[in-house]
Amino acid sequence: MISFSADGLLVAHPIGPSDEDSPVTWHLRDCATGQTIRTTKLTAEKASAPLAAFLNSAELRIIHTNGDLLEIPISPVKPVREIPMTESISLSHAQFSANGNEVLVLQDPGENLPPVRSIISYSDQEDGSLKSETLARRFPWSLQPNIWSRLMNGAEDSPFSVNGKSLNLPMNPTFLSSWHRRLPRLPLAKIG
């Protein structure tokens, strides 16, 4: 994972394995020169896998799969701060807010249970950037065309329609003979 500051002047990246048993070394660099500003090596017994990072002009914030937050100040003379999670959790996904004060997370509650979405807040300064419509604007790639785009483009081409609690299938012979030709063609895999 690579994290850039909003102004594009700084970049932070880990070096080394990021699995549960290995330490990670974080490098904070100046984007213009590539010069390393700070290097911080995490100890293997403390480190869980990093999940998401947020970088601004003051610090790098990293949330780990166990919910712990690590704050690495940009200034090499300031100490690294760890904020442990008060309860034992397992996170499968995380996204920092635009100001870095909140994290939208998916908690893994265990086997055969759906993930639980929640927000971890580190400050009272909510910026509203974790709302669904704001996230879609912040990450426009999620709005790009994909396999599901325009699948049900027009009512006349639709293989069915829903009217209240009723499902209506068109009985137009022209439609019935040609609707399958309007579906996208996907390559078939060879078996055997």
Protein backbone atom coordinates (compact mmCIF):
# COMPACT_ATOMS: atom_id res chain seq x y z
CA MET A 1 0.00 0.00 0.00
CA ILE A 2 1.24 3.46 -0.87
CA SER A 3 -0.15 6.64 0.66
CA PHE A 4 0.29 10.16 -0.73
CA SER A 5 -0.42 13.37 1.14
CA ALA A 6 -3.33 15.41 -0.25
CA ASP A 7 -0.93 18.08 -1.54
CA GLY A 8 1.21 15.45 -3.29
CA LEU A 9 4.41 16.48 -1.51
CA LEU A 10 4.88 13.36 0.62
CA VAL A 11 4.62 9.63 0.06
CA ALA A 12 4.69 6.76 2.56
CA HIS A 13 5.21 3.12 1.73
CA PRO A 14 6.08 -0.09 3.56
CA ILE A 15 9.01 -2.34 2.75
CA GLY A 16 9.08 -5.96 3.73
CA PRO A 17 6.44 -8.61 4.23
CA SER A 18 3.13 -7.54 5.70
CA ASP A 19 1.84 -10.86 6.98
CA GLU A 20 0.97 -11.48 10.62
CA ASP A 21 4.42 -12.71 11.73
CA SER A 22 6.82 -10.36 9.94
CA PRO A 23 7.88 -6.80 10.70
CA VAL A 24 7.20 -3.95 8.30
CA THR A 25 9.45 -0.94 7.76
CA TRP A 26 7.64 2.28 6.80
CA HIS A 27 9.42 4.93 4.74
CA LEU A 28 8.23 8.53 4.54
CA ARG A 29 9.69 10.34 1.54
CA ASP A 30 9.71 13.73 -0.13
CA CYS A 31 8.04 13.26 -3.54
CA ALA A 32 10.10 15.94 -5.28
CA THR A 33 13.52 14.57 -4.31
CA GLY A 34 12.80 10.99 -3.27
CA GLN A 35 14.75 11.67 -0.07
CA THR A 36 13.75 9.56 2.92
CA ILE A 37 12.47 11.80 5.71
CA ARG A 38 11.80 9.06 8.24
CA THR A 39 12.11 5.27 8.50
CA THR A 40 10.23 3.34 11.16
CA LYS A 41 10.60 -0.40 11.68
CA LEU A 42 7.81 -2.14 13.53
CA THR A 43 8.61 -5.04 15.83
CA ALA A 44 7.27 -8.43 14.76
CA GLU A 45 5.50 -9.13 18.05
CA LYS A 46 3.53 -5.87 17.87
CA ALA A 47 2.80 -5.77 14.17
CA SER A 48 -0.30 -7.10 12.53
CA ALA A 49 -0.85 -6.61 8.82
CA PRO A 50 -1.43 -2.98 7.76
CA LEU A 51 -4.83 -2.45 6.19
CA ALA A 52 -5.05 1.25 5.24
CA ALA A 53 -2.90 4.35 5.57
CA PHE A 54 -3.49 8.11 5.67
CA LEU A 55 -0.76 10.71 5.21
CA ASN A 56 -0.88 14.45 5.77
CA SER A 57 1.77 17.11 6.46
CA ALA A 58 1.96 16.17 10.15
CA GLU A 59 1.83 12.36 10.35
CA LEU A 60 1.20 8.97 8.79
CA ARG A 61 -1.71 7.00 10.27
CA ILE A 62 -1.90 3.25 9.71
CA ILE A 63 -4.74 1.01 10.79
CA HIS A 64 -3.97 -2.69 11.12
CA THR A 65 -6.11 -5.82 10.77
CA ASN A 66 -6.44 -6.04 14.56
CA GLY A 67 -7.79 -2.46 14.73
CA ASP A 68 -4.67 -0.91 16.26
CA LEU A 69 -3.73 2.54 14.97
CA LEU A 70 -0.11 3.54 14.50
CA GLU A 71 0.77 7.24 14.17
CA ILE A 72 4.19 8.07 12.75
CA PRO A 73 4.95 11.81 12.86
CA ILE A 74 6.72 13.27 9.82
CA SER A 75 9.33 14.82 12.12
CA PRO A 76 11.96 12.17 12.91
CA VAL A 77 12.49 13.58 16.41
CA LYS A 78 8.89 12.98 17.51
CA PRO A 79 8.01 9.55 18.94
CA VAL A 80 5.79 7.00 17.21
CA ARG A 81 2.43 6.61 18.94
CA GLU A 82 0.38 3.43 19.12
CA ILE A 83 -3.35 3.46 19.89
CA PRO A 84 -4.46 -0.10 20.66
CA MET A 85 -8.03 -1.21 20.04
CA THR A 86 -9.96 -1.58 23.29
CA GLU A 87 -11.64 -4.80 22.18
CA SER A 88 -10.39 -7.71 20.10
CA ILE A 89 -11.57 -7.37 16.49
CA SER A 90 -10.55 -8.57 13.06
CA LEU A 91 -10.83 -6.13 10.16
CA SER A 92 -11.01 -7.15 6.51
CA HIS A 93 -11.16 -3.67 4.90
CA ALA A 94 -10.61 -0.05 5.95
CA GLN A 95 -10.85 3.40 4.35
CA PHE A 96 -9.76 6.62 6.08
CA SER A 97 -11.89 9.76 5.89
CA ALA A 98 -10.52 12.73 3.94
CA ASN A 99 -9.19 14.36 7.13
CA GLY A 100 -7.89 11.08 8.62
CA ASN A 101 -9.91 11.36 11.83
CA GLU A 102 -12.28 8.47 11.05
CA VAL A 103 -11.99 5.06 9.44
CA LEU A 104 -14.77 3.15 7.70
CA VAL A 105 -14.10 -0.53 8.45
CA LEU A 106 -15.50 -3.96 7.69
CA GLN A 107 -15.26 -6.20 10.73
CA ASP A 108 -14.99 -9.93 10.25
CA PRO A 109 -17.29 -11.34 12.98
CA GLY A 110 -16.32 -14.93 12.27
CA GLU A 111 -17.09 -17.90 10.11
CA ASN A 112 -20.42 -17.93 8.23
CA LEU A 113 -21.34 -14.42 9.40
CA PRO A 114 -21.57 -11.38 7.11
CA PRO A 115 -19.06 -8.56 7.64
CA VAL A 116 -20.16 -5.68 9.84
CA ARG A 117 -19.62 -2.12 8.57
CA SER A 118 -18.76 0.48 11.20
CA ILE A 119 -16.82 3.70 11.71
CA ILE A 120 -13.94 4.11 14.14
CA SER A 121 -13.55 7.75 15.17
CA TYR A 122 -10.35 9.23 16.62
CA SER A 123 -11.67 12.81 16.91
CA ASP A 124 -14.89 14.81 17.11
CA GLN A 125 -14.06 16.46 13.76
CA GLU A 126 -16.33 14.57 11.35
CA ASP A 127 -15.91 15.69 7.75
CA GLY A 128 -18.71 13.66 6.12
CA SER A 129 -16.36 12.03 3.61
CA LEU A 130 -17.36 8.48 4.60
CA LYS A 131 -20.95 8.82 3.36
CA SER A 132 -21.74 6.60 0.36
CA GLU A 133 -22.34 9.44 -2.12
CA THR A 134 -19.15 11.22 -1.03
CA LEU A 135 -17.09 8.03 -1.32
CA ALA A 136 -18.39 7.53 -4.87
CA ARG A 137 -17.21 11.05 -5.82
CA ARG A 138 -13.87 10.53 -4.06
CA PHE A 139 -13.26 7.24 -5.87
CA PRO A 140 -14.68 7.83 -9.37
CA TRP A 141 -13.34 4.49 -10.66
CA SER A 142 -16.31 2.91 -8.88
CA LEU A 143 -18.61 4.73 -11.33
CA GLN A 144 -16.87 3.48 -14.48
CA PRO A 145 -18.58 1.10 -16.91
CA ASN A 146 -18.39 -2.52 -15.90
CA ILE A 147 -20.07 -5.82 -16.71
CA TRP A 148 -23.34 -4.69 -15.05
CA SER A 149 -23.51 -1.27 -16.72
CA ARG A 150 -26.57 -0.74 -18.91
CA LEU A 151 -27.68 -4.33 -18.40
CA MET A 152 -31.30 -3.20 -18.10
CA ASN A 153 -30.98 -0.13 -20.32
CA GLY A 154 -34.49 0.23 -21.72
CA ALA A 155 -37.92 -1.12 -20.85
CA GLU A 156 -38.51 -2.32 -24.42
CA ASP A 157 -35.32 -4.42 -24.30
CA SER A 158 -35.89 -5.73 -20.81
CA PRO A 159 -36.42 -9.49 -20.48
CA PHE A 160 -38.94 -8.73 -17.72
CA SER A 161 -40.55 -5.90 -15.79
CA VAL A 162 -41.78 -5.59 -12.24
CA ASN A 163 -45.14 -3.99 -11.54
CA GLY A 164 -45.79 -3.88 -7.80
CA LYS A 165 -45.59 -7.51 -6.71
CA SER A 166 -46.04 -8.88 -10.23
CA LEU A 167 -43.32 -10.06 -12.57
CA ASN A 168 -44.28 -9.48 -16.21
CA LEU A 169 -42.64 -11.44 -19.01
CA PRO A 170 -43.22 -10.00 -22.49
CA MET A 171 -44.93 -12.36 -24.90
CA ASN A 172 -43.97 -10.43 -28.02
CA PRO A 173 -42.68 -13.04 -30.53
CA THR A 174 -40.06 -10.64 -31.91
CA PHE A 175 -38.75 -9.96 -28.43
CA LEU A 176 -38.77 -13.63 -27.45
CA SER A 177 -36.80 -14.64 -30.54
CA SER A 178 -34.14 -11.95 -30.22
CA TRP A 179 -33.64 -10.93 -26.57
CA HIS A 180 -30.75 -13.35 -26.05
CA ARG A 181 -28.84 -11.63 -28.90
CA ARG A 182 -28.86 -8.34 -26.96
CA LEU A 183 -26.99 -9.84 -24.00
CA PRO A 184 -23.24 -9.24 -23.80
CA ARG A 185 -21.14 -12.07 -25.19
CA LEU A 186 -18.72 -13.59 -22.72
CA PRO A 187 -16.04 -16.14 -23.65
CA LEU A 188 -16.82 -19.67 -22.57
CA ALA A 189 -14.17 -21.60 -20.66
CA LYS A 190 -13.07 -24.97 -21.98
CA ILE A 191 -13.74 -27.85 -19.66
CA GLY A 192 -11.39 -30.81 -19.66
